[in-house]
């Protein structure tokens, strides 16, 4: 448990600094791109994250889970097979992406080089994911923390220097913004791979045992495939969401330009501010996956119940004050980006979305650690279906528009959090009020 708490503190501290840097990044983007440009940037970002997700193949999750469950003497052999899988997968994905991405219409309207920047990300993210999973599984969260902070710091530095020295048209400025994102990922790749090589050389000098190749690959793929499916679904729906929202707004009577600007204020301003405290939830998520996996493999249900209770209390203690501050100080906070009463209203109305997402992230880590990936996937489908239905029903009406989008986001967040919580309680044997009961179906 000491390693568990130390990992959370390490990640939370670095993530706090990282979120502060992310805040500055979005401020620079808002100033340099303008409302319409920021809307375009936020519209293409989910598609880029989709490629990032496919490239990672959820190896950080599967490797960290497997490493945490096995003795140290097996780690060298596990990583050998993980690297082999990654090389094969990366080559296939890189070839397919090179043939498909140039013809995807989502990238139309952006600089032609944008597509190739996204393709470059594939090998970078794939091999970075191997190193991330290894360090997460061995509870070396300090390296993960440094990598996370390094990525955002490099991006901020590049944005600041380039936009301070030069002026660009909107299309070129968007390309520069995406290029700095890719550049920061390359720096993280170099750092983590360097640290991984050092650690791997040390492992070579230690006694080790081999595991059956088919067993290792089966264990890695059995987690990576369904988890990738879950994340792929979320990424696909996230990539579709901007166009669905803008289509509904246009149907309600808004022009394409105004719809894009309003989406930019929603995602680039309100969501950026509201998700600032999510660095704690994200830190919990990274630490919980290997911790819950190890504890569950040991059948230590009392410890699982204690961990769930602590996570819920911690999330409540920082989440409620955070959304209260955002609600009260919405005006001054949004004015850091744009002087817009519209953005103020968006931030205030989204407080349930932010609060319940702070709970969703660590609970999702619990579900993955408990092997409930299928259930997590089903929950995501239900929440997304409800969200999209509300957007289509309300947002296309002139009297609702963006308010309908916000209602959809709030509803899906509450629904997803409740489904996650009830499933975890049933699996580890606690009542809804955190009272221990005998676990069933384990």
Protein backbone atom coordinates (compact mmCIF):
# COMPACT_ATOMS: atom_id res chain seq x y z
CA UNK A 1 0.00 0.00 0.00
CA UNK A 2 2.95 2.35 0.61
CA UNK A 3 3.96 2.00 -3.05
CA UNK A 4 0.32 2.60 -4.01
CA UNK A 5 0.09 5.89 -2.11
CA UNK A 6 3.55 7.01 -3.18
CA UNK A 7 2.61 6.42 -6.82
CA UNK A 8 -0.57 8.48 -6.48
CA UNK A 9 1.30 11.38 -4.85
CA UNK A 10 4.02 11.30 -7.52
CA UNK A 11 1.57 11.28 -10.39
CA UNK A 12 -0.84 13.78 -8.86
CA UNK A 13 1.92 16.30 -8.17
CA UNK A 14 3.34 16.10 -11.67
CA UNK A 15 -0.12 16.00 -13.23
CA UNK A 16 -1.08 19.15 -11.34
CA UNK A 17 1.86 20.93 -12.93
CA UNK A 18 1.02 19.32 -16.25
CA UNK A 19 -2.59 20.51 -16.12
CA UNK A 20 -1.36 23.99 -15.35
CA UNK A 21 0.80 23.80 -18.46
CA UNK A 22 -2.16 22.41 -20.47
CA UNK A 23 -4.21 25.38 -19.31
CA UNK A 24 -1.55 27.73 -20.69
CA UNK A 25 -1.38 25.75 -23.94
CA UNK A 26 -5.10 26.17 -24.53
CA UNK A 27 -4.86 29.87 -23.69
CA UNK A 28 -2.16 30.31 -26.36
CA UNK A 29 -4.21 28.32 -28.87
CA UNK A 30 -7.30 30.41 -28.14
CA UNK A 31 -5.37 33.64 -28.66
CA UNK A 32 -3.55 32.52 -31.80
CA UNK A 33 -6.30 30.52 -33.52
CA UNK A 34 -9.34 32.59 -32.56
CA UNK A 35 -12.80 31.18 -31.88
CA UNK A 36 -13.23 29.53 -35.27
CA UNK A 37 -9.67 28.18 -35.39
CA UNK A 38 -9.98 26.77 -31.87
CA UNK A 39 -13.23 25.11 -32.92
CA UNK A 40 -11.45 23.48 -35.87
CA UNK A 41 -8.60 22.33 -33.61
CA UNK A 42 -10.99 20.80 -31.08
CA UNK A 43 -12.91 19.14 -33.92
CA UNK A 44 -9.85 17.34 -35.36
CA UNK A 45 -8.31 16.45 -31.99
CA UNK A 46 -10.62 13.43 -31.31
CA UNK A 47 -9.63 11.95 -34.68
CA UNK A 48 -5.95 12.33 -33.78
CA UNK A 49 -6.61 10.70 -30.41
CA UNK A 50 -8.28 7.83 -32.25
CA UNK A 51 -5.02 7.15 -34.12
CA UNK A 52 -3.10 7.47 -30.85
CA UNK A 53 -5.41 4.92 -29.26
CA UNK A 54 -5.01 2.41 -32.07
CA UNK A 55 -1.24 2.87 -31.96
CA UNK A 56 -1.05 2.17 -28.25
CA UNK A 57 -3.13 -1.03 -28.56
CA UNK A 58 -3.80 -0.43 -24.85
CA UNK A 59 -0.38 -1.97 -24.10
CA UNK A 60 0.12 0.22 -21.01
CA UNK A 61 -2.94 -1.45 -19.48
CA UNK A 62 -2.26 -5.05 -20.51
CA UNK A 63 1.49 -4.96 -19.79
CA UNK A 64 1.12 -3.21 -16.42
CA UNK A 65 -1.62 -5.64 -15.36
CA UNK A 66 0.41 -8.71 -16.37
CA UNK A 67 3.67 -7.40 -14.89
CA UNK A 68 1.95 -6.57 -11.58
CA UNK A 69 0.46 -10.08 -11.33
CA UNK A 70 3.70 -11.99 -12.07
CA UNK A 71 6.95 -12.40 -10.16
CA UNK A 72 9.91 -10.24 -11.15
CA UNK A 73 11.82 -13.18 -12.61
CA UNK A 74 9.25 -13.37 -15.44
CA UNK A 75 9.35 -9.68 -16.35
CA UNK A 76 12.21 -9.90 -18.84
CA UNK A 77 10.49 -12.64 -20.82
CA UNK A 78 7.14 -10.84 -20.74
CA UNK A 79 8.70 -7.69 -22.16
CA UNK A 80 10.50 -9.64 -24.87
CA UNK A 81 7.20 -11.00 -26.16
CA UNK A 82 5.48 -7.63 -25.71
CA UNK A 83 8.10 -5.93 -27.91
CA UNK A 84 7.70 -8.62 -30.57
CA UNK A 85 3.93 -8.09 -30.65
CA UNK A 86 4.43 -4.34 -30.84
CA UNK A 87 6.82 -4.51 -33.80
CA UNK A 88 4.44 -6.68 -35.82
CA UNK A 89 1.38 -4.61 -34.89
CA UNK A 90 3.11 -1.29 -35.62
CA UNK A 91 4.27 -2.34 -39.09
CA UNK A 92 0.76 -3.49 -40.04
CA UNK A 93 -0.93 -0.38 -38.65
CA UNK A 94 1.62 1.98 -40.23
CA UNK A 95 1.11 0.46 -43.68
CA UNK A 96 -2.69 0.51 -43.38
CA UNK A 97 -2.72 4.08 -42.04
CA UNK A 98 -0.45 5.29 -44.85
CA UNK A 99 -2.94 3.93 -47.37
CA UNK A 100 -6.17 4.98 -45.64
CA UNK A 101 -5.61 8.27 -43.77
CA UNK A 102 -4.81 10.40 -46.86
CA UNK A 103 -8.32 9.65 -48.17
CA UNK A 104 -10.31 10.21 -44.94
CA UNK A 105 -12.61 13.23 -45.45
CA UNK A 106 -12.27 14.32 -41.79
CA UNK A 107 -8.88 15.86 -42.67
CA UNK A 108 -10.30 17.90 -45.54
CA UNK A 109 -10.08 21.61 -44.78
CA UNK A 110 -6.81 21.18 -42.87
CA UNK A 111 -3.25 21.59 -44.15
CA UNK A 112 -2.19 18.56 -46.30
CA UNK A 113 0.77 17.84 -44.00
CA UNK A 114 -1.62 17.23 -41.08
CA UNK A 115 -2.32 13.70 -42.29
CA UNK A 116 1.36 12.79 -42.39
CA UNK A 117 2.00 14.22 -38.94
CA UNK A 118 -0.69 11.88 -37.61
CA UNK A 119 0.88 8.90 -39.41
CA UNK A 120 4.28 9.69 -37.83
CA UNK A 121 2.61 9.32 -34.42
CA UNK A 122 1.92 5.60 -34.94
CA UNK A 123 5.40 4.08 -34.24
CA UNK A 124 6.12 6.77 -31.64
CA UNK A 125 3.02 5.97 -29.58
CA UNK A 126 3.33 2.19 -30.04
CA UNK A 127 6.80 1.87 -28.53
CA UNK A 128 6.18 4.54 -25.91
CA UNK A 129 3.22 2.42 -24.75
CA UNK A 130 5.46 -0.59 -24.13
CA UNK A 131 7.72 1.44 -21.84
CA UNK A 132 4.72 3.03 -20.07
CA UNK A 133 3.18 -0.37 -19.34
CA UNK A 134 6.46 -1.72 -17.98
CA UNK A 135 7.03 1.17 -15.57
CA UNK A 136 3.37 1.19 -14.47
CA UNK A 137 3.46 -2.55 -13.72
CA UNK A 138 6.63 -2.16 -11.64
CA UNK A 139 5.08 0.82 -9.80
CA UNK A 140 7.81 3.18 -11.05
CA UNK A 141 5.37 6.05 -11.33
CA UNK A 142 8.09 8.68 -11.11
CA UNK A 143 9.12 7.98 -14.69
CA UNK A 144 5.51 8.13 -15.87
CA UNK A 145 5.07 11.42 -14.02
CA UNK A 146 8.16 12.93 -15.62
CA UNK A 147 7.03 11.77 -19.07
CA UNK A 148 3.55 13.28 -18.67
CA UNK A 149 4.92 16.62 -17.52
CA UNK A 150 7.64 16.60 -20.17
CA UNK A 151 5.12 16.16 -22.98
CA UNK A 152 3.04 19.18 -22.04
CA UNK A 153 6.04 21.35 -21.17
CA UNK A 154 7.68 20.72 -24.53
CA UNK A 155 4.44 21.49 -26.35
CA UNK A 156 4.01 24.75 -24.43
CA UNK A 157 7.61 25.77 -25.10
CA UNK A 158 7.31 25.05 -28.82
CA UNK A 159 4.01 26.91 -29.13
CA UNK A 160 5.33 29.91 -27.23
CA UNK A 161 8.52 30.20 -29.30
CA UNK A 162 6.95 29.62 -32.71
CA UNK A 163 3.93 31.90 -32.24
CA UNK A 164 6.06 34.59 -30.61
CA UNK A 165 8.52 34.68 -33.51
CA UNK A 166 6.16 34.19 -36.45
CA UNK A 167 2.65 34.95 -37.60
CA UNK A 168 0.59 32.45 -39.59
CA UNK A 169 -2.70 32.15 -41.37
CA UNK A 170 -5.30 29.98 -39.64
CA UNK A 171 -4.59 26.85 -41.71
CA UNK A 172 -0.85 27.03 -41.07
CA UNK A 173 -1.37 27.92 -37.39
CA UNK A 174 -3.49 24.78 -37.00
CA UNK A 175 -0.71 22.73 -38.58
CA UNK A 176 1.82 24.26 -36.17
CA UNK A 177 -0.42 23.43 -33.20
CA UNK A 178 -0.68 19.79 -34.29
CA UNK A 179 3.06 19.64 -35.08
CA UNK A 180 3.96 20.77 -31.57
CA UNK A 181 1.74 18.00 -30.17
CA UNK A 182 3.55 15.41 -32.30
CA UNK A 183 6.95 16.90 -31.40
CA UNK A 184 6.24 16.64 -27.68
CA UNK A 185 5.25 12.98 -28.10
CA UNK A 186 8.57 12.30 -29.83
CA UNK A 187 10.47 13.82 -26.89
CA UNK A 188 8.51 11.59 -24.46
CA UNK A 189 9.28 8.59 -26.66
CA UNK A 190 13.02 9.29 -26.51
CA UNK A 191 12.93 9.73 -22.73
CA UNK A 192 10.91 6.61 -21.90
CA UNK A 193 12.74 4.38 -24.36
CA UNK A 194 16.08 5.54 -22.95
CA UNK A 195 14.94 4.77 -19.38
CA UNK A 196 13.50 1.42 -20.50
CA UNK A 197 16.77 0.37 -22.19
CA UNK A 198 18.70 1.13 -19.00
CA UNK A 199 16.25 -0.93 -16.92
CA UNK A 200 16.20 -3.77 -19.43
CA UNK A 201 19.99 -3.99 -19.36
CA UNK A 202 19.83 -4.31 -15.57
CA UNK A 203 17.27 -7.12 -15.87
CA UNK A 204 19.61 -9.05 -18.14
CA UNK A 205 22.08 -9.36 -15.25
CA UNK A 206 19.44 -10.82 -12.91
CA UNK A 207 18.10 -14.40 -12.71
CA UNK A 208 15.06 -14.89 -14.90
CA UNK A 209 12.58 -17.56 -15.95
CA UNK A 210 10.83 -18.02 -19.24
CA UNK A 211 7.12 -18.30 -19.72
CA UNK A 212 5.39 -20.06 -22.58
CA UNK A 213 5.21 -17.67 -25.52
CA UNK A 214 1.58 -18.50 -26.27
CA UNK A 215 0.61 -17.94 -22.63
CA UNK A 216 2.25 -14.51 -22.53
CA UNK A 217 0.74 -13.38 -25.81
CA UNK A 218 -2.67 -14.74 -24.85
CA UNK A 219 -2.59 -12.84 -21.55
CA UNK A 220 -1.50 -9.60 -23.21
CA UNK A 221 -3.96 -9.84 -26.07
CA UNK A 222 -6.83 -10.94 -23.80
CA UNK A 223 -6.58 -7.54 -22.07
CA UNK A 224 -5.39 -5.38 -24.98
CA UNK A 225 -8.06 -6.42 -27.48
CA UNK A 226 -11.18 -5.83 -25.34
CA UNK A 227 -9.69 -2.73 -23.71
CA UNK A 228 -8.74 -1.37 -27.12
CA UNK A 229 -12.28 -2.15 -28.25
CA UNK A 230 -13.64 -0.16 -25.32
CA UNK A 231 -11.31 2.77 -25.92
CA UNK A 232 -11.86 2.53 -29.67
CA UNK A 233 -15.59 2.83 -29.15
CA UNK A 234 -15.05 5.88 -26.93
CA UNK A 235 -12.60 7.40 -29.41
CA UNK A 236 -14.89 6.78 -32.38
CA UNK A 237 -17.87 8.28 -30.62
CA UNK A 238 -15.64 11.15 -29.50
CA UNK A 239 -14.52 11.71 -33.09
CA UNK A 240 -18.12 11.63 -34.31
CA UNK A 241 -19.45 13.86 -31.53
CA UNK A 242 -18.12 17.22 -32.85
CA UNK A 243 -19.73 16.66 -36.24
CA UNK A 244 -22.96 15.36 -34.69
CA UNK A 245 -23.20 18.40 -32.45
CA UNK A 246 -22.42 20.85 -35.24
CA UNK A 247 -24.90 19.13 -37.56
CA UNK A 248 -27.62 19.40 -34.91
CA UNK A 249 -26.80 23.08 -34.32
CA UNK A 250 -26.89 23.84 -38.03
CA UNK A 251 -30.24 22.05 -38.25
CA UNK A 252 -31.50 24.32 -35.47
CA UNK A 253 -30.76 27.34 -37.63
CA UNK A 254 -27.17 28.32 -36.80
CA UNK A 255 -24.56 28.88 -39.49
CA UNK A 256 -21.61 26.51 -39.81
CA UNK A 257 -19.20 29.21 -38.56
CA UNK A 258 -21.23 30.00 -35.43
CA UNK A 259 -21.76 26.29 -34.70
CA UNK A 260 -17.99 25.71 -34.92
CA UNK A 261 -17.30 28.70 -32.64
CA UNK A 262 -19.80 27.51 -30.03
CA UNK A 263 -18.31 24.02 -30.08
CA UNK A 264 -14.86 25.57 -29.64
CA UNK A 265 -16.04 27.49 -26.58
CA UNK A 266 -17.65 24.35 -25.16
CA UNK A 267 -14.66 22.03 -25.58
CA UNK A 268 -11.77 24.48 -25.77
CA UNK A 269 -12.83 26.72 -22.89
CA UNK A 270 -15.50 25.20 -20.60
CA UNK A 271 -14.27 21.60 -20.74
CA UNK A 272 -10.62 22.68 -20.50
CA UNK A 273 -11.37 24.56 -17.27
CA UNK A 274 -13.73 21.97 -15.82
CA UNK A 275 -11.37 19.06 -16.40
CA UNK A 276 -8.43 20.79 -14.72
CA UNK A 277 -8.82 18.77 -11.46
CA UNK A 278 -9.04 15.52 -13.48
CA UNK A 279 -5.27 15.14 -13.05
CA UNK A 280 -6.06 13.52 -9.69
CA UNK A 281 -8.56 11.12 -11.26
CA UNK A 282 -6.10 10.27 -14.04
CA UNK A 283 -3.33 9.64 -11.50
CA UNK A 284 -5.63 7.34 -9.55
CA UNK A 285 -6.51 5.49 -12.74
CA UNK A 286 -2.88 4.80 -13.66
CA UNK A 287 -2.01 3.51 -10.18
CA UNK A 288 -5.22 1.56 -9.60
CA UNK A 289 -5.04 -0.76 -12.63
CA UNK A 290 -1.95 -2.73 -11.48
CA UNK A 291 -2.86 -2.32 -7.77
CA UNK A 292 -6.40 -3.67 -8.18
CA UNK A 293 -5.18 -6.43 -10.52
CA UNK A 294 -2.64 -7.65 -7.95
CA UNK A 295 -5.07 -7.39 -5.03
CA UNK A 296 -7.84 -9.17 -6.92
CA UNK A 297 -5.50 -11.96 -8.05
CA UNK A 298 -4.70 -12.48 -4.34
CA UNK A 299 -8.48 -12.62 -3.59
CA UNK A 300 -8.05 -9.92 -0.95
CA UNK A 301 -11.61 -8.56 -1.05
CA UNK A 302 -11.34 -6.60 2.18
CA UNK A 303 -8.44 -4.62 0.71
CA UNK A 304 -10.40 -4.03 -2.50
CA UNK A 305 -13.32 -2.72 -0.46
CA UNK A 306 -10.98 -0.44 1.46
CA UNK A 307 -9.39 0.86 -1.74
CA UNK A 308 -12.80 1.62 -3.27
CA UNK A 309 -13.90 3.47 -0.14
CA UNK A 310 -10.72 5.56 -0.10
CA UNK A 311 -11.03 6.40 -3.79
CA UNK A 312 -14.65 7.52 -3.44
CA UNK A 313 -13.91 9.67 -0.39
CA UNK A 314 -10.85 11.29 -2.00
CA UNK A 315 -12.78 12.03 -5.20
CA UNK A 316 -15.63 13.59 -3.23
CA UNK A 317 -13.25 15.74 -1.17
CA UNK A 318 -11.60 17.36 -4.19
CA UNK A 319 -14.44 17.08 -6.73
CA UNK A 320 -17.18 18.96 -4.89
CA UNK A 321 -15.06 22.02 -3.97
CA UNK A 322 -13.63 22.07 -7.52
CA UNK A 323 -16.98 22.27 -9.30
CA UNK A 324 -18.21 24.82 -6.71
CA UNK A 325 -15.23 27.06 -7.50
CA UNK A 326 -15.80 26.72 -11.24
CA UNK A 327 -19.46 27.63 -10.82
CA UNK A 328 -18.82 30.72 -8.68
CA UNK A 329 -15.79 32.00 -10.59
CA UNK A 330 -16.89 30.99 -14.09
CA UNK A 331 -16.67 34.56 -15.38
CA UNK A 332 -13.05 35.32 -14.43
CA UNK A 333 -11.91 31.86 -15.48
CA UNK A 334 -13.44 31.90 -18.96
CA UNK A 335 -12.22 35.47 -19.54
CA UNK A 336 -8.68 34.06 -19.57
CA UNK A 337 -9.62 32.61 -22.97
CA UNK A 338 -12.43 34.75 -24.38
CA UNK A 339 -14.64 37.47 -22.95
CA UNK A 340 -17.82 35.50 -23.63
CA UNK A 341 -20.97 35.17 -21.45
CA UNK A 342 -21.77 32.08 -23.50
CA UNK A 343 -18.68 30.24 -22.26
CA UNK A 344 -19.57 31.25 -18.68
CA UNK A 345 -22.97 29.61 -19.01
CA UNK A 346 -21.47 26.45 -20.53
CA UNK A 347 -19.01 26.07 -17.64
CA UNK A 348 -21.68 26.54 -14.98
CA UNK A 349 -24.18 24.16 -16.56
CA UNK A 350 -21.59 21.38 -16.99
CA UNK A 351 -20.82 20.89 -13.29
CA UNK A 352 -22.51 17.42 -13.10
CA UNK A 353 -20.52 16.29 -16.13
CA UNK A 354 -17.22 17.26 -14.50
CA UNK A 355 -18.02 15.95 -11.02
CA UNK A 356 -19.19 12.50 -12.11
CA UNK A 357 -16.29 12.14 -14.54
CA UNK A 358 -13.92 12.55 -11.61
CA UNK A 359 -15.54 9.38 -10.21
CA UNK A 360 -15.74 7.56 -13.56
CA UNK A 361 -12.00 7.51 -14.29
CA UNK A 362 -10.82 5.63 -11.15
CA UNK A 363 -13.89 3.38 -11.24
CA UNK A 364 -12.99 2.40 -14.81
CA UNK A 365 -9.54 1.43 -13.55
CA UNK A 366 -11.24 -0.73 -10.89
CA UNK A 367 -13.33 -2.47 -13.55
CA UNK A 368 -10.29 -3.19 -15.74
CA UNK A 369 -8.32 -4.47 -12.77
CA UNK A 370 -11.22 -6.75 -11.83
CA UNK A 371 -11.42 -8.12 -15.35
CA UNK A 372 -14.81 -6.51 -16.05
CA UNK A 373 -13.89 -5.02 -19.41
CA UNK A 374 -17.01 -6.41 -21.11
CA UNK A 375 -19.23 -4.72 -18.53
CA UNK A 376 -17.32 -1.46 -18.95
CA UNK A 377 -17.91 -1.63 -22.69
CA UNK A 378 -21.65 -2.21 -22.25
CA UNK A 379 -21.87 0.74 -19.85
CA UNK A 380 -20.14 2.99 -22.40
CA UNK A 381 -22.55 1.91 -25.14
CA UNK A 382 -25.59 2.72 -23.02
CA UNK A 383 -24.25 6.10 -21.89
CA UNK A 384 -23.27 7.09 -25.43
CA UNK A 385 -26.60 5.97 -26.89
CA UNK A 386 -28.49 8.06 -24.35
CA UNK A 387 -26.21 11.06 -24.96
CA UNK A 388 -26.57 10.93 -28.75
CA UNK A 389 -30.32 10.48 -28.53
CA UNK A 390 -30.66 13.60 -26.39
CA UNK A 391 -28.40 15.60 -28.73
CA UNK A 392 -30.47 14.59 -31.75
CA UNK A 393 -33.77 15.29 -29.98
CA UNK A 394 -32.96 18.58 -28.24
CA UNK A 395 -29.98 20.25 -29.91
CA UNK A 396 -31.67 20.50 -33.30
CA UNK A 397 -34.48 22.56 -31.73
CA UNK A 398 -33.95 26.36 -31.82
CA UNK A 399 -35.05 26.75 -28.19
CA UNK A 400 -32.41 24.27 -26.89
CA UNK A 401 -29.32 24.11 -29.17
CA UNK A 402 -26.16 23.98 -26.97
CA UNK A 403 -28.24 23.59 -23.82
CA UNK A 404 -29.43 20.28 -25.29
CA UNK A 405 -25.81 19.21 -25.81
CA UNK A 406 -24.97 20.05 -22.20
CA UNK A 407 -28.00 18.12 -20.92
CA UNK A 408 -26.83 15.12 -22.96
CA UNK A 409 -23.29 15.34 -21.56
CA UNK A 410 -24.52 15.64 -17.97
CA UNK A 411 -26.98 12.75 -18.32
CA UNK A 412 -24.45 10.36 -19.86
CA UNK A 413 -21.88 11.18 -17.17
CA UNK A 414 -24.30 10.48 -14.30
CA UNK A 415 -25.56 7.28 -15.94
CA UNK A 416 -22.06 5.94 -16.63
CA UNK A 417 -20.86 6.65 -13.08
CA UNK A 418 -23.85 4.87 -11.53
CA UNK A 419 -23.46 1.77 -13.75
CA UNK A 420 -19.74 1.55 -12.96
CA UNK A 421 -20.31 1.90 -9.23
CA UNK A 422 -23.08 -0.71 -9.00
CA UNK A 423 -21.03 -3.24 -10.98
CA UNK A 424 -17.94 -2.77 -8.79
CA UNK A 425 -19.97 -3.10 -5.60
CA UNK A 426 -21.48 -6.38 -6.78
CA UNK A 427 -18.10 -7.79 -7.85
CA UNK A 428 -16.07 -7.07 -4.71
CA UNK A 429 -18.87 -7.62 -2.22
CA UNK A 430 -19.97 -4.29 -0.82
CA UNK A 431 -23.40 -2.76 -0.41
CA UNK A 432 -24.26 0.61 -1.92
CA UNK A 433 -23.31 2.27 1.39
CA UNK A 434 -19.82 0.68 1.42
CA UNK A 435 -20.70 -2.04 3.92
CA UNK A 436 -18.87 -5.29 3.36
CA UNK A 437 -20.87 -8.31 2.28
CA UNK A 438 -19.90 -11.72 0.97
CA UNK A 439 -18.78 -11.40 -2.69
CA UNK A 440 -20.72 -13.44 -5.19
CA UNK A 441 -19.91 -14.84 -8.61
CA UNK A 442 -16.14 -14.51 -8.18
